Amino acid sequence: MWKKFVLCALICFSLISFSSLSFAVDASKYQVLKPDKESYSTADKVILFNGKAPSGTEIMIDVYGTTDIDIEKKTFNLDKLPTEKDYILVISEKVTSGNLGFFQKQMDLVKGINKVVVNFGVEGVESKEFIVYVYDKAKTDNRLNVTGDSKLSEVLPLLK
């Protein structure tokens, strides 16, 4: 009697342990290939996201943004990022990975600091966050021209 009980308990235990192994998710199958940096700045308002996931996986890409006005008022930059409540959801797109297991999507960003969240919708796989600062190239060029006109004799007293 005890032998049958122990045998049944071992069989039940092995079935329970094997079933949990079969549902394990391989996180290496879910990757964002581009952009390859988690935080960077650019003058382009359009960015391409691509990556890999098993065929048929639905990926959510959410773009949260701030505006130039927010940046000027609260002095946000890539070193001092906005808090969660300062971001506004700009756009949310759903992408499905293709037959080869790859996905891609072009996303429009706003000027200022953008937070892009890529969520694979699979338990055990963390969502990826990217911070992209979109700046106005014309303003940057003007600032470079102003600093380029100053003479060395004017700058040296300021350094002392």
N, C-alpha and C. Protein backbone atom coordinates (compact mmCIF):
# COMPACT_ATOMS: atom_id res chain seq x y z
N MET A 1 0.82 -1.18 0.00
CA MET A 1 0.00 0.00 0.00
C MET A 1 0.87 1.26 0.00
N TRP A 2 1.88 1.28 0.87
CA TRP A 2 2.76 2.45 0.94
C TRP A 2 3.56 2.62 -0.34
N LYS A 3 3.93 1.52 -0.96
CA LYS A 3 4.70 1.61 -2.20
C LYS A 3 3.87 2.27 -3.30
N LYS A 4 2.58 1.92 -3.38
CA LYS A 4 1.70 2.54 -4.37
C LYS A 4 1.53 4.03 -4.09
N PHE A 5 1.40 4.38 -2.82
CA PHE A 5 1.23 5.78 -2.44
C PHE A 5 2.48 6.60 -2.80
N VAL A 6 3.65 6.08 -2.48
CA VAL A 6 4.91 6.77 -2.79
C VAL A 6 5.09 6.88 -4.30
N LEU A 7 4.76 5.81 -5.02
CA LEU A 7 4.87 5.82 -6.48
C LEU A 7 3.94 6.87 -7.09
N CYS A 8 2.70 6.94 -6.62
CA CYS A 8 1.75 7.94 -7.11
C CYS A 8 2.23 9.35 -6.78
N ALA A 9 2.76 9.54 -5.58
CA ALA A 9 3.27 10.86 -5.19
C ALA A 9 4.44 11.28 -6.07
N LEU A 10 5.34 10.36 -6.37
CA LEU A 10 6.48 10.67 -7.25
C LEU A 10 6.01 11.01 -8.67
N ILE A 11 5.05 10.27 -9.16
CA ILE A 11 4.53 10.54 -10.50
C ILE A 11 3.86 11.92 -10.55
N CYS A 12 3.05 12.23 -9.55
CA CYS A 12 2.39 13.54 -9.49
C CYS A 12 3.42 14.66 -9.38
N PHE A 13 4.42 14.47 -8.55
CA PHE A 13 5.46 15.49 -8.38
C PHE A 13 6.22 15.72 -9.68
N SER A 14 6.53 14.65 -10.40
CA SER A 14 7.27 14.79 -11.65
C SER A 14 6.42 15.48 -12.72
N LEU A 15 5.12 15.18 -12.77
CA LEU A 15 4.24 15.85 -13.73
C LEU A 15 4.14 17.34 -13.45
N ILE A 16 4.04 17.69 -12.18
CA ILE A 16 3.95 19.10 -11.82
C ILE A 16 5.25 19.83 -12.17
N SER A 17 6.37 19.24 -11.88
CA SER A 17 7.66 19.90 -12.16
C SER A 17 7.94 19.98 -13.65
N PHE A 18 7.58 18.98 -14.43
CA PHE A 18 7.82 19.03 -15.87
C PHE A 18 6.91 20.04 -16.55
N SER A 19 5.70 20.20 -16.10
CA SER A 19 4.78 21.13 -16.74
C SER A 19 5.25 22.57 -16.57
N SER A 20 5.86 22.89 -15.44
CA SER A 20 6.36 24.26 -15.27
C SER A 20 7.57 24.51 -16.14
N LEU A 21 8.35 23.52 -16.44
CA LEU A 21 9.49 23.70 -17.32
C LEU A 21 9.06 23.92 -18.76
N SER A 22 7.96 23.35 -19.16
CA SER A 22 7.53 23.49 -20.54
C SER A 22 7.00 24.88 -20.84
N PHE A 23 6.61 25.66 -19.83
CA PHE A 23 6.10 26.99 -20.05
C PHE A 23 7.15 28.08 -19.85
N ALA A 24 8.39 27.72 -19.67
CA ALA A 24 9.45 28.71 -19.49
C ALA A 24 9.63 29.50 -20.78
N VAL A 25 9.88 30.81 -20.64
CA VAL A 25 10.03 31.70 -21.78
C VAL A 25 11.52 31.98 -21.98
N ASP A 26 11.96 31.84 -23.20
CA ASP A 26 13.35 32.17 -23.54
C ASP A 26 13.41 33.66 -23.87
N ALA A 27 13.93 34.46 -22.94
CA ALA A 27 13.96 35.91 -23.10
C ALA A 27 14.86 36.35 -24.24
N SER A 28 15.79 35.52 -24.65
CA SER A 28 16.69 35.92 -25.74
C SER A 28 15.97 35.97 -27.09
N LYS A 29 14.79 35.38 -27.18
CA LYS A 29 14.02 35.43 -28.43
C LYS A 29 13.33 36.78 -28.61
N TYR A 30 13.26 37.58 -27.55
CA TYR A 30 12.59 38.87 -27.58
C TYR A 30 13.64 39.97 -27.43
N GLN A 31 13.95 40.65 -28.53
CA GLN A 31 14.98 41.68 -28.50
C GLN A 31 14.58 42.87 -29.35
N VAL A 32 15.07 44.05 -28.94
CA VAL A 32 14.98 45.24 -29.76
C VAL A 32 16.37 45.46 -30.34
N LEU A 33 16.48 45.43 -31.66
CA LEU A 33 17.78 45.55 -32.32
C LEU A 33 18.15 47.01 -32.59
N LYS A 34 17.19 47.81 -33.00
CA LYS A 34 17.42 49.24 -33.24
C LYS A 34 16.34 50.00 -32.52
N PRO A 35 16.62 51.02 -31.83
CA PRO A 35 17.91 51.66 -31.59
C PRO A 35 18.75 50.82 -30.63
N ASP A 36 20.05 50.94 -30.79
CA ASP A 36 20.94 50.14 -29.96
C ASP A 36 21.36 50.85 -28.68
N LYS A 37 21.06 52.14 -28.57
CA LYS A 37 21.36 52.89 -27.34
C LYS A 37 20.07 53.11 -26.57
N GLU A 38 20.16 53.11 -25.26
CA GLU A 38 18.96 53.33 -24.44
C GLU A 38 18.65 54.81 -24.26
N SER A 39 19.66 55.67 -24.45
CA SER A 39 19.46 57.10 -24.26
C SER A 39 20.36 57.85 -25.23
N TYR A 40 19.75 58.71 -26.05
CA TYR A 40 20.54 59.49 -27.01
C TYR A 40 19.73 60.68 -27.51
N SER A 41 20.40 61.58 -28.24
CA SER A 41 19.73 62.75 -28.80
C SER A 41 19.88 62.74 -30.32
N THR A 42 18.90 63.35 -30.98
CA THR A 42 18.89 63.38 -32.44
C THR A 42 18.07 64.58 -32.91
N ALA A 43 18.29 64.98 -34.16
CA ALA A 43 17.49 66.04 -34.77
C ALA A 43 16.33 65.45 -35.57
N ASP A 44 16.34 64.15 -35.81
CA ASP A 44 15.29 63.49 -36.58
C ASP A 44 14.05 63.25 -35.72
N LYS A 45 12.88 63.61 -36.28
CA LYS A 45 11.64 63.40 -35.54
C LYS A 45 11.02 62.02 -35.81
N VAL A 46 11.61 61.28 -36.74
CA VAL A 46 11.12 59.94 -37.06
C VAL A 46 12.21 58.95 -36.71
N ILE A 47 11.82 57.89 -36.01
CA ILE A 47 12.80 56.89 -35.57
C ILE A 47 12.27 55.51 -35.96
N LEU A 48 13.19 54.63 -36.31
CA LEU A 48 12.82 53.27 -36.71
C LEU A 48 13.12 52.32 -35.56
N PHE A 49 12.13 51.55 -35.19
CA PHE A 49 12.29 50.49 -34.19
C PHE A 49 12.19 49.16 -34.92
N ASN A 50 13.16 48.30 -34.68
CA ASN A 50 13.04 46.94 -35.19
C ASN A 50 13.67 45.98 -34.20
N GLY A 51 13.24 44.75 -34.30
CA GLY A 51 13.72 43.74 -33.37
C GLY A 51 13.24 42.37 -33.78
N LYS A 52 13.39 41.44 -32.85
CA LYS A 52 12.95 40.08 -33.15
C LYS A 52 12.10 39.54 -32.01
N ALA A 53 11.15 38.73 -32.42
CA ALA A 53 10.24 38.04 -31.50
C ALA A 53 9.67 36.86 -32.27
N PRO A 54 9.22 35.83 -31.57
CA PRO A 54 8.63 34.69 -32.29
C PRO A 54 7.48 35.13 -33.20
N SER A 55 7.32 34.45 -34.29
CA SER A 55 6.32 34.79 -35.29
C SER A 55 4.93 34.90 -34.68
N GLY A 56 4.23 35.98 -35.02
CA GLY A 56 2.87 36.20 -34.54
C GLY A 56 2.78 36.94 -33.21
N THR A 57 3.89 37.29 -32.60
CA THR A 57 3.87 38.01 -31.33
C THR A 57 3.42 39.45 -31.56
N GLU A 58 2.49 39.92 -30.73
CA GLU A 58 2.04 41.31 -30.83
C GLU A 58 2.85 42.16 -29.87
N ILE A 59 3.48 43.20 -30.41
CA ILE A 59 4.35 44.08 -29.64
C ILE A 59 3.69 45.45 -29.56
N MET A 60 3.61 46.01 -28.36
CA MET A 60 3.07 47.36 -28.16
C MET A 60 4.23 48.34 -28.04
N ILE A 61 4.18 49.42 -28.83
CA ILE A 61 5.17 50.48 -28.75
C ILE A 61 4.44 51.75 -28.34
N ASP A 62 4.76 52.25 -27.15
CA ASP A 62 4.15 53.46 -26.62
C ASP A 62 5.17 54.58 -26.62
N VAL A 63 4.76 55.76 -27.13
CA VAL A 63 5.64 56.93 -27.15
C VAL A 63 5.05 57.96 -26.19
N TYR A 64 5.85 58.32 -25.18
CA TYR A 64 5.49 59.37 -24.24
C TYR A 64 6.41 60.55 -24.51
N GLY A 65 5.88 61.76 -24.43
CA GLY A 65 6.71 62.92 -24.75
C GLY A 65 6.53 64.07 -23.79
N THR A 66 7.47 64.98 -23.86
CA THR A 66 7.38 66.29 -23.21
C THR A 66 7.52 67.31 -24.33
N THR A 67 7.29 68.56 -24.03
CA THR A 67 7.41 69.58 -25.06
C THR A 67 8.60 70.47 -24.77
N ASP A 68 8.97 71.29 -25.76
CA ASP A 68 10.06 72.25 -25.56
C ASP A 68 9.73 73.21 -24.43
N ILE A 69 8.45 73.55 -24.30
CA ILE A 69 8.04 74.47 -23.23
C ILE A 69 8.29 73.83 -21.87
N ASP A 70 7.95 72.55 -21.73
CA ASP A 70 8.22 71.84 -20.48
C ASP A 70 9.70 71.82 -20.17
N ILE A 71 10.51 71.60 -21.20
CA ILE A 71 11.96 71.52 -21.00
C ILE A 71 12.51 72.86 -20.54
N GLU A 72 12.03 73.97 -21.15
CA GLU A 72 12.53 75.29 -20.77
C GLU A 72 12.08 75.68 -19.37
N LYS A 73 10.85 75.34 -19.01
CA LYS A 73 10.33 75.70 -17.68
C LYS A 73 10.97 74.88 -16.58
N LYS A 74 11.12 73.59 -16.80
CA LYS A 74 11.56 72.69 -15.73
C LYS A 74 12.99 72.20 -15.92
N THR A 75 13.68 72.72 -16.90
CA THR A 75 15.08 72.38 -17.18
C THR A 75 15.34 70.87 -17.20
N PHE A 76 14.62 70.18 -18.08
CA PHE A 76 14.87 68.76 -18.29
C PHE A 76 15.99 68.59 -19.30
N ASN A 77 16.78 67.57 -19.14
CA ASN A 77 17.78 67.18 -20.13
C ASN A 77 18.03 65.69 -19.96
N LEU A 78 19.01 65.15 -20.67
CA LEU A 78 19.26 63.71 -20.59
C LEU A 78 19.85 63.29 -19.26
N ASP A 79 20.42 64.25 -18.51
CA ASP A 79 20.93 63.94 -17.17
C ASP A 79 19.84 64.03 -16.12
N LYS A 80 18.93 65.00 -16.29
CA LYS A 80 17.82 65.18 -15.34
C LYS A 80 16.52 64.93 -16.11
N LEU A 81 16.05 63.71 -16.06
CA LEU A 81 14.87 63.31 -16.82
C LEU A 81 13.59 63.70 -16.09
N PRO A 82 12.50 63.88 -16.83
CA PRO A 82 11.21 64.18 -16.21
C PRO A 82 10.71 63.00 -15.37
N THR A 83 9.83 63.29 -14.43
CA THR A 83 9.20 62.23 -13.66
C THR A 83 8.11 61.58 -14.51
N GLU A 84 7.55 60.49 -14.02
CA GLU A 84 6.52 59.76 -14.77
C GLU A 84 5.31 60.64 -15.07
N LYS A 85 4.94 61.53 -14.15
CA LYS A 85 3.74 62.36 -14.36
C LYS A 85 3.96 63.48 -15.37
N ASP A 86 5.23 63.79 -15.69
CA ASP A 86 5.52 64.84 -16.67
C ASP A 86 5.40 64.35 -18.10
N TYR A 87 5.36 63.06 -18.30
CA TYR A 87 5.24 62.50 -19.65
C TYR A 87 3.77 62.43 -20.05
N ILE A 88 3.53 62.65 -21.34
CA ILE A 88 2.19 62.57 -21.92
C ILE A 88 2.21 61.49 -23.00
N LEU A 89 1.23 60.60 -22.99
CA LEU A 89 1.15 59.56 -24.02
C LEU A 89 0.84 60.22 -25.35
N VAL A 90 1.75 60.10 -26.31
CA VAL A 90 1.59 60.71 -27.62
C VAL A 90 0.93 59.74 -28.58
N ILE A 91 1.46 58.53 -28.65
CA ILE A 91 0.93 57.54 -29.58
C ILE A 91 1.22 56.14 -29.05
N SER A 92 0.32 55.23 -29.36
CA SER A 92 0.50 53.82 -28.98
C SER A 92 0.21 52.98 -30.22
N GLU A 93 1.17 52.17 -30.63
CA GLU A 93 1.04 51.36 -31.84
C GLU A 93 1.23 49.89 -31.51
N LYS A 94 0.49 49.04 -32.21
CA LYS A 94 0.63 47.59 -32.06
C LYS A 94 1.25 47.04 -33.34
N VAL A 95 2.31 46.24 -33.18
CA VAL A 95 3.03 45.66 -34.31
C VAL A 95 3.05 44.15 -34.10
N THR A 96 2.92 43.40 -35.19
CA THR A 96 2.99 41.94 -35.12
C THR A 96 4.26 41.48 -35.83
N SER A 97 5.00 40.60 -35.18
CA SER A 97 6.22 40.09 -35.81
C SER A 97 5.85 39.18 -36.98
N GLY A 98 6.68 39.22 -38.01
CA GLY A 98 6.39 38.50 -39.24
C GLY A 98 6.78 37.03 -39.19
N ASN A 99 6.72 36.39 -40.36
CA ASN A 99 7.00 34.96 -40.46
C ASN A 99 8.43 34.61 -40.09
N LEU A 100 9.37 35.51 -40.36
CA LEU A 100 10.77 35.25 -40.03
C LEU A 100 11.10 35.60 -38.58
N GLY A 101 10.14 36.18 -37.87
CA GLY A 101 10.36 36.49 -36.46
C GLY A 101 10.92 37.88 -36.23
N PHE A 102 10.75 38.79 -37.18
CA PHE A 102 11.24 40.16 -37.03
C PHE A 102 10.08 41.13 -37.11
N PHE A 103 10.25 42.30 -36.50
CA PHE A 103 9.26 43.36 -36.58
C PHE A 103 9.98 44.68 -36.80
N GLN A 104 9.25 45.66 -37.37
CA GLN A 104 9.79 47.01 -37.50
C GLN A 104 8.64 48.00 -37.56
N LYS A 105 8.92 49.21 -37.07
CA LYS A 105 7.91 50.25 -37.06
C LYS A 105 8.59 51.60 -37.01
N GLN A 106 8.13 52.52 -37.87
CA GLN A 106 8.60 53.90 -37.81
C GLN A 106 7.68 54.66 -36.88
N MET A 107 8.26 55.41 -35.96
CA MET A 107 7.47 56.16 -34.99
C MET A 107 7.80 57.64 -35.10
N ASP A 108 6.77 58.50 -35.03
CA ASP A 108 6.97 59.94 -35.01
C ASP A 108 7.14 60.38 -33.57
N LEU A 109 8.15 61.20 -33.34
CA LEU A 109 8.44 61.72 -32.01
C LEU A 109 8.12 63.20 -31.96
N VAL A 110 8.04 63.75 -30.77
CA VAL A 110 7.83 65.19 -30.60
C VAL A 110 9.15 65.83 -30.21
N LYS A 111 9.26 67.15 -30.43
CA LYS A 111 10.46 67.84 -29.98
C LYS A 111 10.50 67.81 -28.47
N GLY A 112 11.66 67.56 -27.94
CA GLY A 112 11.81 67.46 -26.49
C GLY A 112 12.24 66.05 -26.12
N ILE A 113 11.96 65.68 -24.89
CA ILE A 113 12.36 64.36 -24.40
C ILE A 113 11.21 63.38 -24.63
N ASN A 114 11.52 62.29 -25.29
CA ASN A 114 10.56 61.22 -25.58
C ASN A 114 10.99 59.96 -24.85
N LYS A 115 10.01 59.30 -24.25
CA LYS A 115 10.26 57.99 -23.65
C LYS A 115 9.46 56.98 -24.47
N VAL A 116 10.17 56.01 -25.03
CA VAL A 116 9.53 54.99 -25.85
C VAL A 116 9.60 53.67 -25.09
N VAL A 117 8.45 53.04 -24.90
CA VAL A 117 8.37 51.77 -24.18
C VAL A 117 7.93 50.69 -25.16
N VAL A 118 8.75 49.65 -25.29
CA VAL A 118 8.44 48.51 -26.15
C VAL A 118 8.07 47.35 -25.24
N ASN A 119 6.81 46.91 -25.33
CA ASN A 119 6.30 45.85 -24.47
C ASN A 119 5.93 44.65 -25.35
N PHE A 120 6.54 43.52 -25.07
CA PHE A 120 6.30 42.32 -25.86
C PHE A 120 5.02 41.59 -25.44
N GLY A 121 4.45 41.93 -24.30
CA GLY A 121 3.22 41.31 -23.85
C GLY A 121 3.36 39.86 -23.46
N VAL A 122 4.55 39.46 -23.04
CA VAL A 122 4.81 38.08 -22.65
C VAL A 122 5.29 38.08 -21.21
N GLU A 123 4.69 37.22 -20.40
CA GLU A 123 5.09 37.13 -19.00
C GLU A 123 6.52 36.59 -18.92
N GLY A 124 7.33 37.25 -18.12
CA GLY A 124 8.72 36.84 -17.96
C GLY A 124 9.68 37.63 -18.84
N VAL A 125 9.15 38.46 -19.74
CA VAL A 125 10.00 39.30 -20.59
C VAL A 125 9.74 40.75 -20.22
N GLU A 126 10.79 41.44 -19.80
CA GLU A 126 10.63 42.83 -19.37
C GLU A 126 10.47 43.74 -20.59
N SER A 127 9.72 44.83 -20.39
CA SER A 127 9.59 45.82 -21.46
C SER A 127 10.87 46.64 -21.53
N LYS A 128 11.17 47.16 -22.71
CA LYS A 128 12.38 47.94 -22.95
C LYS A 128 12.01 49.42 -23.01
N GLU A 129 12.83 50.26 -22.38
CA GLU A 129 12.61 51.71 -22.39
C GLU A 129 13.75 52.41 -23.09
N PHE A 130 13.40 53.40 -23.90
CA PHE A 130 14.39 54.21 -24.59
C PHE A 130 14.05 55.68 -24.36
N ILE A 131 15.08 56.48 -24.10
CA ILE A 131 14.92 57.92 -23.94
C ILE A 131 15.57 58.58 -25.15
N VAL A 132 14.78 59.36 -25.90
CA VAL A 132 15.28 60.02 -27.11
C VAL A 132 14.98 61.51 -26.98
N TYR A 133 16.03 62.32 -27.04
CA TYR A 133 15.87 63.77 -27.00
C TYR A 133 15.91 64.30 -28.43
N VAL A 134 14.80 64.87 -28.88
CA VAL A 134 14.72 65.44 -30.23
C VAL A 134 14.89 66.95 -30.09
N TYR A 135 15.94 67.47 -30.71
CA TYR A 135 16.23 68.89 -30.61
C TYR A 135 16.03 69.57 -31.96
N ASP A 136 15.93 70.90 -31.90
CA ASP A 136 15.76 71.71 -33.10
C ASP A 136 17.15 72.05 -33.64
N LYS A 137 17.47 71.55 -34.81
CA LYS A 137 18.81 71.74 -35.36
C LYS A 137 19.09 73.20 -35.68
N ALA A 138 18.08 73.96 -36.09
CA ALA A 138 18.29 75.38 -36.42
C ALA A 138 18.72 76.16 -35.18
N LYS A 139 18.08 75.89 -34.03
CA LYS A 139 18.46 76.57 -32.79
C LYS A 139 19.89 76.21 -32.39
N THR A 140 20.25 74.97 -32.56
CA THR A 140 21.60 74.52 -32.21
C THR A 140 22.64 75.17 -33.11
N ASP A 141 22.34 75.27 -34.40
CA ASP A 141 23.28 75.92 -35.32
C ASP A 141 23.45 77.39 -34.98
N ASN A 142 22.36 78.07 -34.58
CA ASN A 142 22.46 79.48 -34.19
C ASN A 142 23.34 79.64 -32.97
N ARG A 143 23.20 78.79 -32.00
CA ARG A 143 24.02 78.87 -30.79
C ARG A 143 25.49 78.62 -31.10
N LEU A 144 25.76 77.71 -32.03
CA LEU A 144 27.15 77.46 -32.42
C LEU A 144 27.74 78.66 -33.14
N ASN A 145 26.94 79.34 -33.96
CA ASN A 145 27.44 80.52 -34.66
C ASN A 145 27.75 81.65 -33.69
N VAL A 146 26.94 81.82 -32.67
CA VAL A 146 27.18 82.88 -31.68
C VAL A 146 28.46 82.59 -30.91
N THR A 147 28.65 81.38 -30.47
CA THR A 147 29.87 81.05 -29.73
C THR A 147 31.09 81.03 -30.64
N GLY A 148 30.92 80.77 -31.92
CA GLY A 148 32.03 80.75 -32.85
C GLY A 148 32.56 82.14 -33.15
N ASP A 149 31.73 83.19 -32.97
CA ASP A 149 32.14 84.56 -33.25
C ASP A 149 32.95 85.18 -32.12
N SER A 150 32.90 84.64 -30.93
CA SER A 150 33.63 85.24 -29.82
C SER A 150 35.13 85.01 -29.99
N LYS A 151 35.89 86.02 -29.57
CA LYS A 151 37.34 85.98 -29.74
C LYS A 151 37.99 85.37 -28.51
N LEU A 152 39.18 84.86 -28.69
CA LEU A 152 39.92 84.24 -27.61
C LEU A 152 40.22 85.25 -26.51
N SER A 153 40.48 86.50 -26.88
CA SER A 153 40.77 87.53 -25.87
C SER A 153 39.56 87.83 -25.00
N GLU A 154 38.35 87.59 -25.52
CA GLU A 154 37.14 87.81 -24.74
C GLU A 154 36.86 86.63 -23.80
N VAL A 155 37.29 85.45 -24.18
CA VAL A 155 37.01 84.25 -23.41
C VAL A 155 38.00 84.05 -22.27
N LEU A 156 39.26 84.42 -22.46
CA LEU A 156 40.30 84.20 -21.44
C LEU A 156 39.98 84.84 -20.09
N PRO A 157 39.49 86.09 -20.04
CA PRO A 157 39.15 86.65 -18.72
C PRO A 157 38.03 85.88 -18.01
N LEU A 158 37.15 85.27 -18.78
CA LEU A 158 36.06 84.51 -18.17
C LEU A 158 36.55 83.22 -17.54
N LEU A 159 37.64 82.67 -18.05
CA LEU A 159 38.17 81.42 -17.53
C LEU A 159 38.93 81.60 -16.23
N LYS A 160 39.41 82.81 -15.94
CA LYS A 160 40.20 83.05 -14.73
C LYS A 160 39.38 83.13 -13.49
